[in-house]
Amino acid sequence: MEYFISKLSFRSGEKMIDSVFAYQYDGNNLVSLDTKDRNWLLNRHSNGYQISTLRKSLDGQWQRGAPVDYINNLFSWDRQLPLNITKRKTFISYYHYEDQYYKERFKNLLGDLVTHKSVENGDIDSDNSDGYIKQLIQKGYLADTTVLVVLIGPNTKHRKHIDWEISGALNYKVGDKYSGLLGLLLPNHPDFGTTKATYNLMPTRLADNFKSEYAVIIDWTDDRAKMQEYIELAFERRNTHLDNIDNTFKQMTENTNE
């Protein structure tokens, strides 16, 4: 029998682990044990069980990380792990034709860290902005979303449905608050890896909110802990930057590419 941890939390103001999200492995099956406290971790270590970290592959499979060490009354491990915190409810807005791969990759990497929704082809039958947003609300896609994640590829700015989804997320009627906005520059985007985020290379409504410092725009990463940090930053701006929201851009009526 051996044990694994995928997420953790720390005691307030300390570097000491408070709790972990644990799994048990008997050689055949990996079984979730949910959240366990520090005493459980100490007990397993003192009884000679091996405890290791877990990481996720790009196809969403758990993979073995390095063993967790215990030295001078402190645990240590090989990489930054995600925090064991509340799962944020995310909606993924993306250009289906070009960026489906990254949408699936997002789900695979972060499936245990967030609750995610997105509109698939054929889910909503509407070709006008008001009807589309109304269905997003009525069918529950945006009703309780706390962070809208926009996957920004080279042609994302041209797609009317992405503009409508951003507009819907910034509609106070959706849930009890506005959604946070996180834009992820994909590896196929001209700005990826340059430290730049060019306004006219992203959806206009998203650019307006990046200028106002409501939206967070950052490069895509496969690092689960960093991606969780980005989502949390966008989530917090719902409170800290509420007055910065800009939803004044006239909604797109047509796509501006083929």
Protein backbone atom coordinates (compact mmCIF):
# COMPACT_ATOMS: atom_id res chain seq x y z
CA MET A 1 0.00 0.00 0.00
CA GLU A 2 1.22 3.50 -0.81
CA TYR A 3 -0.26 6.97 -0.75
CA PHE A 4 -0.28 10.01 -3.03
CA ILE A 5 -1.18 13.68 -2.67
CA SER A 6 -2.41 15.97 -5.47
CA LYS A 7 -3.30 19.18 -3.60
CA LEU A 8 -2.48 20.72 -0.25
CA SER A 9 -3.15 23.65 2.04
CA PHE A 10 -0.94 25.41 4.56
CA ARG A 11 -1.49 26.65 8.09
CA SER A 12 -2.15 30.37 8.14
CA GLY A 13 1.08 32.35 8.05
CA GLU A 14 3.22 29.19 8.11
CA LYS A 15 5.06 26.92 5.69
CA MET A 16 3.62 23.88 7.43
CA ILE A 17 1.09 21.66 5.64
CA ASP A 18 -2.38 21.82 7.15
CA SER A 19 -4.19 19.34 4.89
CA VAL A 20 -3.74 17.32 1.69
CA PHE A 21 -6.00 15.77 -0.91
CA ALA A 22 -4.97 12.13 -0.69
CA TYR A 23 -5.18 8.94 -2.72
CA GLN A 24 -4.51 5.33 -1.80
CA TYR A 25 -2.92 2.88 -4.25
CA ASP A 26 -2.94 -0.88 -3.70
CA GLY A 27 -0.98 -1.78 -6.82
CA ASN A 28 -4.08 -1.94 -9.00
CA ASN A 29 -6.48 0.85 -8.13
CA LEU A 30 -5.99 4.51 -7.24
CA VAL A 31 -8.73 5.49 -4.79
CA SER A 32 -9.54 9.02 -3.62
CA LEU A 33 -9.51 9.48 0.16
CA ASP A 34 -10.59 13.13 -0.07
CA THR A 35 -9.05 15.70 2.28
CA LYS A 36 -6.83 14.47 5.10
CA ASP A 37 -5.22 16.56 7.84
CA ARG A 38 -1.58 16.85 8.86
CA ASN A 39 -1.93 14.22 11.58
CA TRP A 40 -3.00 11.66 8.98
CA LEU A 41 0.05 12.53 6.88
CA LEU A 42 2.36 12.19 9.90
CA ASN A 43 0.76 8.88 10.84
CA ARG A 44 1.26 7.40 7.39
CA HIS A 45 4.87 8.56 7.32
CA SER A 46 5.71 7.26 10.81
CA ASN A 47 4.22 3.88 9.90
CA GLY A 48 6.61 3.54 6.98
CA TYR A 49 4.24 4.09 4.07
CA GLN A 50 5.60 5.74 0.94
CA ILE A 51 3.91 9.04 0.14
CA SER A 52 4.44 10.63 -3.27
CA THR A 53 3.04 13.53 -5.26
CA LEU A 54 0.68 13.14 -8.22
CA ARG A 55 0.82 15.05 -11.48
CA LYS A 56 -1.44 14.99 -14.52
CA SER A 57 -0.51 14.20 -18.09
CA LEU A 58 -1.90 16.25 -20.98
CA ASP A 59 -4.55 13.57 -21.55
CA GLY A 60 -5.75 13.84 -17.95
CA GLN A 61 -4.17 10.68 -16.54
CA TRP A 62 -2.57 10.68 -13.10
CA GLN A 63 1.16 10.08 -13.08
CA ARG A 64 3.53 9.31 -10.24
CA GLY A 65 5.61 12.21 -8.96
CA ALA A 66 8.58 12.13 -6.60
CA PRO A 67 8.40 10.83 -3.00
CA VAL A 68 7.53 13.29 -0.24
CA ASP A 69 10.39 13.74 2.26
CA TYR A 70 10.15 14.57 5.97
CA ILE A 71 13.15 16.45 7.39
CA ASN A 72 13.39 18.57 10.57
CA ASN A 73 9.65 18.25 11.22
CA LEU A 74 8.75 19.58 7.77
CA PHE A 75 7.52 17.81 4.65
CA SER A 76 9.11 18.64 1.29
CA TRP A 77 8.27 17.64 -2.27
CA ASP A 78 9.55 18.02 -5.81
CA ARG A 79 7.23 20.60 -7.36
CA GLN A 80 4.67 23.25 -6.52
CA LEU A 81 1.33 21.52 -5.98
CA PRO A 82 -2.08 23.14 -6.47
CA LEU A 83 -3.87 24.37 -3.37
CA ASN A 84 -6.67 22.37 -1.79
CA ILE A 85 -9.25 25.15 -2.07
CA THR A 86 -12.78 25.67 -3.39
CA LYS A 87 -13.24 24.68 -7.02
CA ARG A 88 -14.12 27.72 -9.10
CA LYS A 89 -16.93 27.36 -11.61
CA THR A 90 -15.42 28.18 -14.99
CA PHE A 91 -16.91 28.63 -18.43
CA ILE A 92 -14.51 28.09 -21.34
CA SER A 93 -15.03 30.42 -24.31
CA TYR A 94 -13.06 29.46 -27.42
CA TYR A 95 -13.03 29.16 -31.22
CA HIS A 96 -14.20 25.59 -31.75
CA TYR A 97 -12.74 25.12 -35.23
CA GLU A 98 -9.16 26.08 -34.34
CA ASP A 99 -8.74 25.68 -30.59
CA GLN A 100 -10.69 22.56 -29.56
CA TYR A 101 -7.40 20.86 -28.64
CA TYR A 102 -6.61 23.44 -25.97
CA LYS A 103 -10.12 23.33 -24.57
CA GLU A 104 -9.74 19.56 -24.06
CA ARG A 105 -6.26 20.08 -22.64
CA PHE A 106 -7.64 22.60 -20.13
CA LYS A 107 -10.28 20.09 -19.01
CA ASN A 108 -7.75 17.27 -18.76
CA LEU A 109 -5.21 19.24 -16.74
CA LEU A 110 -7.62 21.00 -14.39
CA GLY A 111 -10.54 18.59 -14.06
CA ASP A 112 -9.96 18.13 -10.31
CA LEU A 113 -9.29 21.84 -9.65
CA VAL A 114 -12.27 23.56 -11.31
CA THR A 115 -15.81 22.86 -12.40
CA HIS A 116 -15.90 23.63 -16.11
CA LYS A 117 -18.58 24.22 -18.71
CA SER A 118 -18.51 25.20 -22.36
CA VAL A 119 -20.90 25.32 -25.30
CA GLU A 120 -20.40 22.51 -27.80
CA ASN A 121 -21.50 22.66 -31.42
CA GLY A 122 -25.28 22.35 -31.58
CA ASP A 123 -25.90 22.99 -27.87
CA ILE A 124 -27.50 26.38 -28.47
CA ASP A 125 -29.50 27.28 -31.56
CA SER A 126 -29.42 31.03 -31.91
CA ASP A 127 -27.80 33.43 -34.34
CA ASN A 128 -28.49 36.69 -32.52
CA SER A 129 -26.74 37.96 -29.42
CA ASP A 130 -29.78 38.47 -27.18
CA GLY A 131 -31.15 35.01 -27.93
CA TYR A 132 -27.78 33.37 -27.47
CA ILE A 133 -27.08 35.02 -24.10
CA LYS A 134 -30.62 34.27 -22.91
CA GLN A 135 -30.10 30.57 -23.66
CA LEU A 136 -26.70 30.62 -21.93
CA ILE A 137 -28.51 31.77 -18.81
CA GLN A 138 -31.61 29.58 -19.10
CA LYS A 139 -29.64 26.41 -19.84
CA GLY A 140 -27.30 27.00 -16.92
CA TYR A 141 -24.05 27.57 -18.78
CA LEU A 142 -23.41 30.95 -17.17
CA ALA A 143 -25.90 30.96 -14.31
CA ASP A 144 -23.32 30.20 -11.61
CA THR A 145 -20.06 30.83 -13.46
CA THR A 146 -17.46 32.65 -11.37
CA VAL A 147 -14.64 32.86 -13.94
CA LEU A 148 -14.98 33.02 -17.72
CA VAL A 149 -11.83 31.61 -19.35
CA VAL A 150 -11.19 32.85 -22.90
CA LEU A 151 -8.75 30.77 -24.93
CA ILE A 152 -7.08 33.36 -27.17
CA GLY A 153 -5.86 32.00 -30.48
CA PRO A 154 -4.96 33.99 -33.61
CA ASN A 155 -8.58 34.22 -34.80
CA THR A 156 -10.50 34.32 -31.51
CA LYS A 157 -11.08 38.07 -31.93
CA HIS A 158 -13.15 37.43 -35.07
CA ARG A 159 -15.83 35.18 -33.50
CA LYS A 160 -19.17 36.70 -32.53
CA HIS A 161 -20.17 33.92 -30.14
CA ILE A 162 -17.05 34.53 -28.05
CA ASP A 163 -17.97 38.22 -27.84
CA TRP A 164 -21.47 37.25 -26.76
CA GLU A 165 -20.18 34.86 -24.11
CA ILE A 166 -17.93 37.56 -22.64
CA SER A 167 -20.86 39.99 -22.69
CA GLY A 168 -23.06 37.45 -20.92
CA ALA A 169 -20.45 36.85 -18.24
CA LEU A 170 -20.39 40.59 -17.56
CA ASN A 171 -24.18 40.66 -17.18
CA TYR A 172 -25.18 41.08 -13.52
CA LYS A 173 -28.34 39.06 -14.15
CA VAL A 174 -26.13 35.98 -14.44
CA GLY A 175 -25.78 34.62 -10.91
CA ASP A 176 -25.29 36.95 -7.95
CA LYS A 177 -22.13 38.59 -9.29
CA TYR A 178 -20.28 39.31 -12.48
CA SER A 179 -17.84 36.66 -13.65
CA GLY A 180 -14.12 37.19 -13.47
CA LEU A 181 -12.33 37.25 -16.84
CA LEU A 182 -9.20 35.25 -17.60
CA GLY A 183 -7.70 35.33 -21.09
CA LEU A 184 -5.12 32.66 -21.90
CA LEU A 185 -2.82 33.41 -24.84
CA LEU A 186 -2.44 30.09 -26.63
CA PRO A 187 0.88 28.87 -28.08
CA ASN A 188 -0.51 29.54 -31.59
CA HIS A 189 -1.10 33.24 -30.79
CA PRO A 190 1.47 35.81 -32.04
CA ASP A 191 1.90 37.29 -28.54
CA PHE A 192 2.57 33.99 -26.79
CA GLY A 193 5.94 34.00 -25.05
CA THR A 194 6.60 37.69 -25.79
CA THR A 195 5.29 39.21 -22.48
CA LYS A 196 2.96 41.32 -24.68
CA ALA A 197 -0.83 41.27 -24.95
CA THR A 198 -1.75 43.34 -28.00
CA TYR A 199 -5.24 44.83 -27.77
CA ASN A 200 -6.15 44.37 -31.43
CA LEU A 201 -5.10 40.71 -31.38
CA MET A 202 -7.76 39.73 -28.83
CA PRO A 203 -11.56 40.09 -28.67
CA THR A 204 -12.44 43.78 -28.34
CA ARG A 205 -14.64 43.35 -25.27
CA LEU A 206 -11.87 41.39 -23.55
CA ALA A 207 -9.33 44.06 -24.53
CA ASP A 208 -11.57 46.77 -23.04
CA ASN A 209 -11.55 44.96 -19.71
CA PHE A 210 -7.81 44.28 -19.89
CA LYS A 211 -7.24 48.02 -20.37
CA SER A 212 -9.43 48.73 -17.34
CA GLU A 213 -7.49 46.09 -15.34
CA TYR A 214 -10.56 43.95 -14.71
CA ALA A 215 -9.50 41.08 -16.97
CA VAL A 216 -6.36 39.01 -16.46
CA ILE A 217 -4.43 38.15 -19.66
CA ILE A 218 -1.53 35.73 -19.44
CA ASP A 219 0.24 33.00 -21.41
CA TRP A 220 -1.12 29.46 -21.42
CA THR A 221 0.79 27.07 -19.17
CA ASP A 222 0.61 23.35 -18.44
CA ASP A 223 1.61 24.08 -14.83
CA ARG A 224 -1.50 23.21 -12.83
CA ALA A 225 -0.53 25.28 -9.79
CA LYS A 226 0.15 28.39 -11.88
CA MET A 227 -3.09 27.97 -13.83
CA GLN A 228 -4.96 27.74 -10.53
CA GLU A 229 -3.25 30.98 -9.42
CA TYR A 230 -4.42 32.74 -12.58
CA ILE A 231 -8.00 31.58 -12.05
CA GLU A 232 -7.89 32.78 -8.43
CA LEU A 233 -6.58 36.18 -9.52
CA ALA A 234 -9.46 36.59 -11.98
CA PHE A 235 -11.89 35.40 -9.29
CA GLU A 236 -10.62 37.97 -6.77
CA ARG A 237 -10.98 40.85 -9.22
CA ARG A 238 -14.75 40.33 -9.06
CA ASN A 239 -14.42 42.06 -5.68
CA THR A 240 -11.29 44.20 -5.94
CA HIS A 241 -11.87 45.63 -9.43
CA LEU A 242 -15.67 45.57 -9.68
CA ASP A 243 -15.89 49.21 -10.77
CA ASN A 244 -13.50 48.54 -13.68
CA ILE A 245 -15.93 46.38 -15.66
CA ASP A 246 -16.54 47.65 -19.19
CA ASN A 247 -19.39 46.02 -21.12
CA THR A 248 -20.14 48.98 -23.40
CA PHE A 249 -18.80 47.57 -26.68
CA LYS A 250 -21.62 47.04 -29.18
CA GLN A 251 -22.19 43.31 -29.60
CA MET A 252 -20.84 41.75 -32.77
CA THR A 253 -23.43 40.79 -35.36
CA GLU A 254 -21.24 38.61 -37.58
CA ASN A 255 -17.94 36.80 -37.64
CA THR A 256 -15.14 38.81 -39.23
CA ASN A 257 -13.27 35.83 -40.69
CA GLU A 258 -14.38 32.74 -42.62
